[in-house]
C-alpha atoms as a PDB file:
ATOM      1  CA  MET A   1       2.071 -32.029  30.429  1.00  0.00           C
ATOM      2  CA  LYS A   2      -1.302 -33.585  31.185  1.00  0.00           C
ATOM      3  CA  GLN A   3      -2.723 -33.267  34.649  1.00  0.00           C
ATOM      4  CA  THR A   4      -3.918 -36.411  36.393  1.00  0.00           C
ATOM      5  CA  VAL A   5      -7.245 -36.083  38.186  1.00  0.00           C
ATOM      6  CA  VAL A   6      -8.766 -38.652  40.557  1.00  0.00           C
ATOM      7  CA  ILE A   7     -12.507 -38.376  41.256  1.00  0.00           C
ATOM      8  CA  THR A   8     -14.537 -40.438  43.719  1.00  0.00           C
ATOM      9  CA  GLY A   9     -18.213 -41.210  43.151  1.00  0.00           C
ATOM     10  CA  ALA A  10     -17.465 -40.949  39.443  1.00  0.00           C
ATOM     11  CA  ASN A  11     -20.168 -43.228  38.075  1.00  0.00           C
ATOM     12  CA  ARG A  12     -23.058 -40.752  38.026  1.00  0.00           C
ATOM     13  CA  GLY A  13     -24.297 -37.262  38.840  1.00  0.00           C
ATOM     14  CA  ILE A  14     -21.784 -34.555  39.639  1.00  0.00           C
ATOM     15  CA  GLY A  15     -18.931 -37.068  39.733  1.00  0.00           C
ATOM     16  CA  LEU A  16     -19.611 -38.253  36.195  1.00  0.00           C
ATOM     17  CA  GLU A  17     -19.835 -34.677  34.926  1.00  0.00           C
ATOM     18  CA  LEU A  18     -16.548 -33.839  36.643  1.00  0.00           C
ATOM     19  CA  VAL A  19     -15.016 -36.786  34.787  1.00  0.00           C
ATOM     20  CA  ARG A  20     -16.330 -35.405  31.506  1.00  0.00           C
ATOM     21  CA  GLU A  21     -15.230 -31.846  32.321  1.00  0.00           C
ATOM     22  CA  TYR A  22     -11.646 -32.846  33.024  1.00  0.00           C
ATOM     23  CA  LEU A  23     -11.512 -35.142  30.012  1.00  0.00           C
ATOM     24  CA  ARG A  24     -12.613 -32.181  27.870  1.00  0.00           C
ATOM     25  CA  ARG A  25      -9.685 -30.293  29.349  1.00  0.00           C
ATOM     26  CA  GLY A  26      -7.325 -33.000  28.127  1.00  0.00           C
ATOM     27  CA  CYS A  27      -6.548 -34.455  31.557  1.00  0.00           C
ATOM     28  CA  GLU A  28      -5.854 -38.038  32.492  1.00  0.00           C
ATOM     29  CA  VAL A  29      -8.896 -38.913  34.582  1.00  0.00           C
ATOM     30  CA  ILE A  30      -9.251 -41.800  37.017  1.00  0.00           C
ATOM     31  CA  GLY A  31     -12.750 -42.484  38.290  1.00  0.00           C
ATOM     32  CA  LEU A  32     -13.225 -44.313  41.578  1.00  0.00           C
ATOM     33  CA  CYS A  33     -16.607 -45.811  42.438  1.00  0.00           C
ATOM     34  CA  ARG A  34     -18.317 -48.708  44.179  1.00  0.00           C
ATOM     35  CA  GLU A  35     -20.004 -49.814  40.949  1.00  0.00           C
ATOM     36  CA  THR A  36     -19.214 -48.474  37.517  1.00  0.00           C
ATOM     37  CA  SER A  37     -21.829 -47.356  35.009  1.00  0.00           C
ATOM     38  CA  ALA A  38     -22.185 -47.590  31.247  1.00  0.00           C
ATOM     39  CA  GLU A  39     -21.696 -43.815  31.043  1.00  0.00           C
ATOM     40  CA  LEU A  40     -18.469 -43.882  33.027  1.00  0.00           C
ATOM     41  CA  ASP A  41     -17.138 -46.864  31.074  1.00  0.00           C
ATOM     42  CA  ALA A  42     -17.852 -45.015  27.817  1.00  0.00           C
ATOM     43  CA  SER A  43     -16.256 -41.761  28.983  1.00  0.00           C
ATOM     44  CA  GLY A  44     -12.641 -42.664  28.263  1.00  0.00           C
ATOM     45  CA  ALA A  45     -11.555 -42.360  31.896  1.00  0.00           C
ATOM     46  CA  ARG A  46      -9.645 -45.077  33.684  1.00  0.00           C
ATOM     47  CA  VAL A  47     -12.118 -46.754  36.028  1.00  0.00           C
ATOM     48  CA  ILE A  48     -11.332 -48.350  39.380  1.00  0.00           C
ATOM     49  CA  ASP A  49     -14.516 -49.818  40.774  1.00  0.00           C
ATOM     50  CA  GLY A  50     -15.167 -51.747  43.969  1.00  0.00           C
ATOM     51  CA  VAL A  51     -14.061 -48.714  45.989  1.00  0.00           C
ATOM     52  CA  ASP A  52     -16.261 -47.958  48.995  1.00  0.00           C
ATOM     53  CA  VAL A  53     -14.850 -44.710  50.419  1.00  0.00           C
ATOM     54  CA  ALA A  54     -16.310 -45.519  53.846  1.00  0.00           C
ATOM     55  CA  ASP A  55     -14.157 -48.640  54.070  1.00  0.00           C
ATOM     56  CA  ALA A  56     -10.503 -47.972  54.920  1.00  0.00           C
ATOM     57  CA  PRO A  57      -9.206 -51.262  53.431  1.00  0.00           C
ATOM     58  CA  SER A  58     -11.060 -50.427  50.199  1.00  0.00           C
ATOM     59  CA  ALA A  59      -9.282 -47.070  50.071  1.00  0.00           C
ATOM     60  CA  GLN A  60      -5.952 -48.830  50.550  1.00  0.00           C
ATOM     61  CA  THR A  61      -6.792 -51.182  47.681  1.00  0.00           C
ATOM     62  CA  ALA A  62      -7.353 -48.154  45.443  1.00  0.00           C
ATOM     63  CA  ALA A  63      -4.037 -46.721  46.617  1.00  0.00           C
ATOM     64  CA  ARG A  64      -2.221 -49.926  45.661  1.00  0.00           C
ATOM     65  CA  LYS A  65      -3.738 -49.733  42.175  1.00  0.00           C
ATOM     66  CA  LEU A  66      -2.531 -46.136  41.910  1.00  0.00           C
ATOM     67  CA  LYS A  67       0.950 -46.780  43.309  1.00  0.00           C
ATOM     68  CA  GLY A  68       3.455 -44.548  41.553  1.00  0.00           C
ATOM     69  CA  VAL A  69       0.795 -42.377  39.881  1.00  0.00           C
ATOM     70  CA  ALA A  70       1.372 -38.674  40.517  1.00  0.00           C
ATOM     71  CA  VAL A  71      -2.003 -37.051  41.202  1.00  0.00           C
ATOM     72  CA  ASP A  72      -2.440 -33.355  40.459  1.00  0.00           C
ATOM     73  CA  ILE A  73      -6.064 -33.043  41.608  1.00  0.00           C
ATOM     74  CA  LEU A  74      -7.956 -35.301  44.004  1.00  0.00           C
ATOM     75  CA  ILE A  75     -11.701 -34.636  44.098  1.00  0.00           C
ATOM     76  CA  ASN A  76     -13.536 -36.267  46.996  1.00  0.00           C
ATOM     77  CA  ASN A  77     -17.038 -36.199  45.565  1.00  0.00           C
ATOM     78  CA  ALA A  78     -18.708 -39.420  46.777  1.00  0.00           C
ATOM     79  CA  GLY A  79     -21.522 -38.816  49.231  1.00  0.00           C
ATOM     80  CA  ILE A  80     -24.992 -39.891  50.343  1.00  0.00           C
ATOM     81  CA  PHE A  81     -28.052 -37.954  51.498  1.00  0.00           C
ATOM     82  CA  GLU A  82     -31.023 -38.954  53.638  1.00  0.00           C
ATOM     83  CA  ASP A  83     -34.030 -36.830  54.577  1.00  0.00           C
ATOM     84  CA  ASP A  84     -33.961 -37.678  58.275  1.00  0.00           C
ATOM     85  CA  ARG A  85     -36.270 -35.800  60.639  1.00  0.00           C
ATOM     86  CA  LEU A  86     -36.552 -35.469  64.390  1.00  0.00           C
ATOM     87  CA  GLY A  87     -38.946 -38.060  65.780  1.00  0.00           C
ATOM     88  CA  ARG A  88     -38.131 -40.664  63.140  1.00  0.00           C
ATOM     89  CA  LEU A  89     -34.336 -40.742  63.115  1.00  0.00           C
ATOM     90  CA  ASP A  90     -32.609 -43.880  61.876  1.00  0.00           C
ATOM     91  CA  TYR A  91     -29.337 -43.842  63.790  1.00  0.00           C
ATOM     92  CA  GLN A  92     -27.731 -46.487  61.617  1.00  0.00           C
ATOM     93  CA  MET A  93     -28.367 -44.275  58.596  1.00  0.00           C
ATOM     94  CA  LEU A  94     -27.024 -41.233  60.457  1.00  0.00           C
ATOM     95  CA  GLN A  95     -23.861 -43.220  61.147  1.00  0.00           C
ATOM     96  CA  ARG A  96     -23.637 -44.344  57.523  1.00  0.00           C
ATOM     97  CA  GLN A  97     -23.787 -40.720  56.368  1.00  0.00           C
ATOM     98  CA  PHE A  98     -20.864 -39.925  58.671  1.00  0.00           C
ATOM     99  CA  GLU A  99     -18.922 -42.891  57.355  1.00  0.00           C
ATOM    100  CA  VAL A 100     -19.388 -41.912  53.709  1.00  0.00           C
ATOM    101  CA  ASN A 101     -19.561 -38.111  53.816  1.00  0.00           C
ATOM    102  CA  ALA A 102     -17.027 -37.293  56.539  1.00  0.00           C
ATOM    103  CA  LEU A 103     -14.724 -40.280  57.023  1.00  0.00           C
ATOM    104  CA  GLY A 104     -14.725 -41.374  53.372  1.00  0.00           C
ATOM    105  CA  PRO A 105     -12.795 -38.362  52.064  1.00  0.00           C
ATOM    106  CA  LEU A 106     -10.253 -38.791  54.869  1.00  0.00           C
ATOM    107  CA  HIS A 107      -9.791 -42.474  54.020  1.00  0.00           C
ATOM    108  CA  ILE A 108      -9.127 -41.650  50.366  1.00  0.00           C
ATOM    109  CA  THR A 109      -6.974 -38.591  51.009  1.00  0.00           C
ATOM    110  CA  GLU A 110      -4.776 -40.338  53.557  1.00  0.00           C
ATOM    111  CA  ALA A 111      -4.460 -43.426  51.364  1.00  0.00           C
ATOM    112  CA  LEU A 112      -3.292 -41.280  48.419  1.00  0.00           C
ATOM    113  CA  LEU A 113      -0.959 -38.919  50.293  1.00  0.00           C
ATOM    114  CA  ASP A 114       2.091 -40.447  48.632  1.00  0.00           C
ATOM    115  CA  ASN A 115       0.525 -39.683  45.236  1.00  0.00           C
ATOM    116  CA  LEU A 116       0.202 -35.981  46.036  1.00  0.00           C
ATOM    117  CA  GLY A 117       3.089 -33.555  45.765  1.00  0.00           C
ATOM    118  CA  LYS A 118       3.901 -29.868  45.784  1.00  0.00           C
ATOM    119  CA  GLY A 119       1.319 -28.072  43.661  1.00  0.00           C
ATOM    120  CA  SER A 120      -1.306 -30.815  43.986  1.00  0.00           C
ATOM    121  CA  LYS A 121      -4.836 -29.858  44.973  1.00  0.00           C
ATOM    122  CA  ILE A 122      -7.532 -31.598  46.990  1.00  0.00           C
ATOM    123  CA  ALA A 123     -11.198 -30.695  46.584  1.00  0.00           C
ATOM    124  CA  LEU A 124     -13.860 -31.747  49.064  1.00  0.00           C
ATOM    125  CA  ILE A 125     -17.370 -31.621  47.612  1.00  0.00           C
ATOM    126  CA  THR A 126     -19.365 -30.641  50.662  1.00  0.00           C
ATOM    127  CA  SER A 127     -22.624 -28.711  51.121  1.00  0.00           C
ATOM    128  CA  ARG A 128     -23.752 -25.388  52.515  1.00  0.00           C
ATOM    129  CA  MET A 129     -26.059 -27.589  54.598  1.00  0.00           C
ATOM    130  CA  GLY A 130     -22.936 -28.232  56.652  1.00  0.00           C
ATOM    131  CA  SER A 131     -22.858 -24.550  57.580  1.00  0.00           C
ATOM    132  CA  ILE A 132     -24.012 -23.897  61.161  1.00  0.00           C
ATOM    133  CA  ALA A 133     -24.487 -20.171  60.557  1.00  0.00           C
ATOM    134  CA  ASP A 134     -26.572 -20.812  57.432  1.00  0.00           C
ATOM    135  CA  ASN A 135     -28.959 -23.330  59.024  1.00  0.00           C
ATOM    136  CA  GLY A 136     -32.353 -21.657  59.183  1.00  0.00           C
ATOM    137  CA  SER A 137     -34.570 -24.635  58.413  1.00  0.00           C
ATOM    138  CA  GLY A 138     -33.333 -27.467  60.648  1.00  0.00           C
ATOM    139  CA  GLY A 139     -33.783 -31.165  59.926  1.00  0.00           C
ATOM    140  CA  TYR A 140     -31.509 -33.365  57.799  1.00  0.00           C
ATOM    141  CA  TYR A 141     -29.472 -34.292  60.872  1.00  0.00           C
ATOM    142  CA  GLY A 142     -27.156 -36.885  59.371  1.00  0.00           C
ATOM    143  CA  TYR A 143     -26.393 -34.894  56.239  1.00  0.00           C
ATOM    144  CA  ARG A 144     -25.873 -31.570  58.010  1.00  0.00           C
ATOM    145  CA  MET A 145     -23.735 -33.090  60.761  1.00  0.00           C
ATOM    146  CA  SER A 146     -21.612 -35.173  58.396  1.00  0.00           C
ATOM    147  CA  LYS A 147     -20.965 -32.232  56.070  1.00  0.00           C
ATOM    148  CA  ALA A 148     -20.076 -29.970  59.004  1.00  0.00           C
ATOM    149  CA  ALA A 149     -17.595 -32.652  60.065  1.00  0.00           C
ATOM    150  CA  LEU A 150     -16.221 -32.790  56.511  1.00  0.00           C
ATOM    151  CA  ASN A 151     -15.762 -29.013  56.542  1.00  0.00           C
ATOM    152  CA  ALA A 152     -13.787 -29.277  59.788  1.00  0.00           C
ATOM    153  CA  ALA A 153     -11.646 -32.038  58.290  1.00  0.00           C
ATOM    154  CA  GLY A 154     -11.017 -29.906  55.219  1.00  0.00           C
ATOM    155  CA  LYS A 155      -9.791 -27.018  57.331  1.00  0.00           C
ATOM    156  CA  SER A 156      -7.397 -29.324  59.195  1.00  0.00           C
ATOM    157  CA  LEU A 157      -6.154 -30.807  55.924  1.00  0.00           C
ATOM    158  CA  ALA A 158      -5.467 -27.295  54.635  1.00  0.00           C
ATOM    159  CA  VAL A 159      -3.358 -26.536  57.710  1.00  0.00           C
ATOM    160  CA  ASP A 160      -1.538 -29.863  57.755  1.00  0.00           C
ATOM    161  CA  LEU A 161      -0.759 -29.939  54.019  1.00  0.00           C
ATOM    162  CA  ARG A 162       0.231 -26.303  53.527  1.00  0.00           C
ATOM    163  CA  GLY A 163       3.863 -27.132  54.271  1.00  0.00           C
ATOM    164  CA  ARG A 164       3.826 -29.740  51.519  1.00  0.00           C
ATOM    165  CA  GLY A 165       2.519 -27.194  49.013  1.00  0.00           C
ATOM    166  CA  ILE A 166      -0.899 -28.851  48.697  1.00  0.00           C
ATOM    167  CA  ALA A 167      -3.997 -26.625  48.628  1.00  0.00           C
ATOM    168  CA  VAL A 168      -7.454 -27.726  49.783  1.00  0.00           C
ATOM    169  CA  ALA A 169     -10.776 -26.471  48.397  1.00  0.00           C
ATOM    170  CA  ILE A 170     -13.998 -26.954  50.391  1.00  0.00           C
ATOM    171  CA  LEU A 171     -16.775 -26.567  47.834  1.00  0.00           C
ATOM    172  CA  HIS A 172     -20.574 -26.507  47.753  1.00  0.00           C
ATOM    173  CA  PRO A 173     -21.725 -27.474  44.230  1.00  0.00           C
ATOM    174  CA  GLY A 174     -25.084 -25.709  44.405  1.00  0.00           C
ATOM    175  CA  PHE A 175     -28.555 -27.264  44.338  1.00  0.00           C
ATOM    176  CA  VAL A 176     -27.886 -29.734  41.559  1.00  0.00           C
ATOM    177  CA  GLN A 177     -30.381 -31.822  39.582  1.00  0.00           C
ATOM    178  CA  THR A 178     -29.180 -35.281  40.578  1.00  0.00           C
ATOM    179  CA  ARG A 179     -30.796 -38.507  41.686  1.00  0.00           C
ATOM    180  CA  MET A 180     -29.677 -37.722  45.238  1.00  0.00           C
ATOM    181  CA  VAL A 181     -32.364 -34.990  45.427  1.00  0.00           C
ATOM    182  CA  ASP A 182     -34.827 -36.617  43.008  1.00  0.00           C
ATOM    183  CA  PHE A 183     -33.665 -34.207  40.285  1.00  0.00           C
ATOM    184  CA  ALA A 184     -35.211 -31.250  42.134  1.00  0.00           C
ATOM    185  CA  GLY A 185     -32.185 -28.934  41.820  1.00  0.00           C
ATOM    186  CA  ASP A 186     -31.886 -25.634  40.017  1.00  0.00           C
ATOM    187  CA  ILE A 187     -28.727 -26.296  37.963  1.00  0.00           C
ATOM    188  CA  PRO A 188     -27.727 -29.337  35.886  1.00  0.00           C
ATOM    189  CA  PRO A 189     -24.731 -31.463  36.900  1.00  0.00           C
ATOM    190  CA  ALA A 190     -22.681 -30.258  33.915  1.00  0.00           C
ATOM    191  CA  THR A 191     -22.993 -26.640  35.061  1.00  0.00           C
ATOM    192  CA  ALA A 192     -22.029 -27.587  38.608  1.00  0.00           C
ATOM    193  CA  ALA A 193     -19.012 -29.530  37.353  1.00  0.00           C
ATOM    194  CA  LYS A 194     -17.775 -26.640  35.222  1.00  0.00           C
ATOM    195  CA  ARG A 195     -18.102 -24.215  38.128  1.00  0.00           C
ATOM    196  CA  LEU A 196     -16.407 -26.586  40.551  1.00  0.00           C
ATOM    197  CA  ALA A 197     -13.494 -27.020  38.158  1.00  0.00           C
ATOM    198  CA  GLN A 198     -13.150 -23.238  37.945  1.00  0.00           C
ATOM    199  CA  ARG A 199     -13.024 -22.950  41.732  1.00  0.00           C
ATOM    200  CA  ILE A 200     -10.393 -25.702  41.879  1.00  0.00           C
ATOM    201  CA  ASP A 201      -8.371 -23.769  39.287  1.00  0.00           C
ATOM    202  CA  GLU A 202      -8.434 -20.743  41.585  1.00  0.00           C
ATOM    203  CA  ILE A 203      -7.489 -22.413  44.876  1.00  0.00           C
ATOM    204  CA  ASP A 204      -3.917 -21.871  46.029  1.00  0.00           C
ATOM    205  CA  LEU A 205      -1.959 -21.705  49.255  1.00  0.00           C
ATOM    206  CA  LYS A 206      -3.277 -18.194  49.950  1.00  0.00           C
ATOM    207  CA  THR A 207      -6.905 -19.344  49.854  1.00  0.00           C
ATOM    208  CA  THR A 208      -6.493 -22.952  50.967  1.00  0.00           C
ATOM    209  CA  GLY A 209      -9.136 -24.131  53.411  1.00  0.00           C
ATOM    210  CA  SER A 210     -11.769 -21.630  52.287  1.00  0.00           C
ATOM    211  CA  PHE A 211     -15.443 -22.688  52.066  1.00  0.00           C
ATOM    212  CA  ARG A 212     -17.039 -21.567  48.816  1.00  0.00           C
ATOM    213  CA  HIS A 213     -20.086 -22.016  46.637  1.00  0.00           C
ATOM    214  CA  SER A 214     -19.337 -23.222  43.111  1.00  0.00           C
ATOM    215  CA  SER A 215     -20.437 -19.741  41.980  1.00  0.00           C
ATOM    216  CA  GLY A 216     -17.464 -18.294  43.852  1.00  0.00           C
ATOM    217  CA  GLU A 217     -19.432 -16.941  46.825  1.00  0.00           C
ATOM    218  CA  ALA A 218     -17.717 -17.288  50.203  1.00  0.00           C
ATOM    219  CA  LEU A 219     -19.916 -19.326  52.567  1.00  0.00           C
ATOM    220  CA  PRO A 220     -20.211 -18.957  56.356  1.00  0.00           C
ATOM    221  CA  TRP A 221     -19.038 -21.737  58.635  1.00  0.00           C
END
């Protein structure tokens, strides 16, 4: 029986490659995004656009369109990144990063709770930049803080959903060559997507709530 996979931020970058990876696996894939792209439209996935993860009503609209659809894997991938530095902080942009990176996955996950059942999995695409122990370079206040908040939310989701048989993966994709970082990464999006899918395969109720690199390395909080 085909698995059904829902992926946010599916129109480009890692999200688009996750769409392609799960389609190659023979899954039914549903891509959520604010604006679709020619690549996503051509992929063969079902596309639901007009979804801003930072907007709770938008998440509810997506949920209505998915009413009755059993979701095996929910991948909260949508995110934004700003190079904000002390002395020139834009607090509106810091807030926007929180809204998208930390609150967005909660909006989508809560909106789709009725679609998730025993054996379903949730993946949060976070960043090791959200690790407090791993921060040796400073800066990037909005991104670091929002991803640390996402990690905390992921741990709570793992605790709260364990009784329903739903496992939660908190995953750093690696330094990926996407537009978000001006293509300065060290691995292509397709490699990141394949590794992330492997980590999602591995997650279960014994390891739920763990924070891992897409390579499999355990990351410090």
